[in-house]
Protein backbone atom coordinates (compact mmCIF):
# COMPACT_ATOMS: atom_id res chain seq x y z
CA MET A 1 114.64 -29.09 78.55
CA CYS A 2 113.12 -30.35 81.78
CA ALA A 3 109.99 -28.24 80.83
CA LEU A 4 109.73 -29.65 77.39
CA LEU A 5 110.32 -33.10 78.79
CA TRP A 6 107.35 -32.55 81.53
CA TYR A 7 104.84 -30.85 79.00
CA GLY A 8 105.62 -34.00 76.71
CA LEU A 9 105.54 -36.75 78.88
CA PHE A 10 102.22 -35.57 80.66
CA SER A 11 100.75 -34.84 77.15
CA LEU A 12 101.39 -38.36 76.14
CA LEU A 13 99.90 -39.87 79.51
CA MET A 14 97.01 -37.88 79.06
CA ALA A 15 95.91 -39.17 75.89
CA PHE A 16 95.70 -42.69 77.54
CA GLN A 17 93.03 -41.66 80.21
CA GLN A 18 89.83 -42.95 80.59
CA SER A 19 88.15 -40.71 83.09
CA ALA A 20 87.36 -37.19 82.93
CA GLU A 21 88.88 -36.64 86.32
CA MET A 22 92.45 -37.95 85.11
CA VAL A 23 92.33 -35.76 81.85
CA ILE A 24 91.47 -32.66 84.12
CA LEU A 25 94.68 -33.56 86.43
CA PHE A 26 96.96 -34.41 83.24
CA ARG A 27 95.77 -31.20 81.72
CA LEU A 28 96.76 -28.99 84.87
CA LEU A 29 100.27 -30.85 84.48
CA VAL A 30 100.53 -30.14 80.91
CA GLY A 31 99.69 -26.57 81.64
CA ILE A 32 102.31 -26.17 84.53
CA GLY A 33 105.12 -27.37 81.76
CA LEU A 34 103.65 -24.94 79.18
CA GLY A 35 103.85 -22.23 81.38
CA VAL A 36 107.24 -22.58 82.21
CA GLU A 37 108.22 -23.03 78.27
CA LEU A 38 106.14 -19.96 77.22
CA VAL A 39 108.31 -17.90 79.75
CA THR A 40 111.33 -19.77 79.07
CA ILE A 41 111.00 -18.96 75.13
CA ASP A 42 110.68 -15.34 75.51
CA THR A 43 113.71 -15.07 77.97
CA TYR A 44 115.72 -16.97 75.69
CA LEU A 45 114.95 -14.57 72.90
CA TRP A 46 115.64 -11.70 74.96
CA GLU A 47 118.93 -12.82 76.32
CA TRP A 48 120.42 -14.49 73.20
CA VAL A 49 119.34 -12.66 70.22
CA PRO A 50 121.16 -9.63 69.55
CA SER A 51 119.36 -6.53 70.13
CA HIS A 52 119.15 -5.36 66.38
CA LEU A 53 117.36 -8.70 65.56
CA ARG A 54 115.26 -9.04 68.74
CA SER A 55 112.12 -7.48 67.22
CA ARG A 56 112.23 -9.77 64.43
CA ALA A 57 113.01 -12.72 66.49
CA PHE A 58 109.96 -12.17 68.64
CA ALA A 59 107.71 -11.32 65.37
CA PHE A 60 108.64 -14.74 63.77
CA SER A 61 107.89 -16.47 67.38
CA PHE A 62 104.60 -14.85 67.65
CA PHE A 63 103.84 -15.67 63.88
CA VAL A 64 104.47 -19.25 64.33
CA HIS A 65 102.50 -19.41 67.47
CA PHE A 66 99.38 -17.96 65.76
CA LEU A 67 100.00 -19.84 62.74
CA SER A 68 99.88 -23.03 64.58
CA VAL A 69 96.23 -21.98 65.78
CA LEU A 70 95.32 -22.53 62.14
CA ALA A 71 96.79 -25.64 61.80
CA VAL A 72 95.05 -26.85 64.92
CA ALA A 73 91.68 -26.03 63.40
CA LEU A 74 92.60 -27.74 60.34
CA MET A 75 93.42 -31.04 61.93
CA SER A 76 90.36 -30.62 64.32
CA TRP A 77 88.30 -30.63 61.33
CA TRP A 78 89.94 -33.76 60.05
CA LEU A 79 91.03 -35.84 63.24
CA VAL A 80 87.99 -35.58 65.35
CA PRO A 81 85.90 -38.08 63.31
CA GLN A 82 89.06 -40.56 63.06
CA THR A 83 90.35 -43.18 65.10
CA LEU A 84 94.43 -43.60 64.70
CA LEU A 85 96.36 -46.32 66.49
CA ASN A 86 93.11 -47.23 68.60
CA LEU A 87 92.79 -43.43 70.03
CA GLU A 88 89.93 -41.34 69.22
CA GLY A 89 90.45 -38.28 67.04
CA TRP A 90 89.97 -35.60 69.99
CA ARG A 91 92.68 -37.27 71.80
CA TRP A 92 95.29 -36.66 69.08
CA LEU A 93 93.83 -33.34 68.44
CA ALA A 94 94.64 -32.62 72.40
CA GLN A 95 97.96 -33.40 71.79
CA GLN A 96 98.57 -31.14 69.08
CA GLY A 97 96.72 -28.26 70.73
CA ARG A 98 98.89 -28.10 73.74
CA HIS A 99 101.95 -28.36 71.53
CA GLN A 100 101.05 -25.40 69.58
CA GLN A 101 100.81 -23.56 72.59
CA ALA A 102 104.17 -24.13 73.46
CA HIS A 103 105.44 -22.26 70.14
């Protein structure tokens, strides 16, 4: 939960940055939370899922992960030229891109 909170907080804060340096700093901080999440997800699957279902659980987890790549590609096609809630579309896309990496 702490990694998810870290990841979500710094992702949100990054959307409001105005300089490249601050975007880079917040991407670094988001990446730390994302790295912790990725390791934690696999660990929980290994520990909590019964051994006879484990391969299916990992397959489903990776399926969702790779399917989200397509979702972000489609969102980028639509979002980049948009401005929503006073934020440029690329900022919304940056938030979703990091979110899909977590799954």
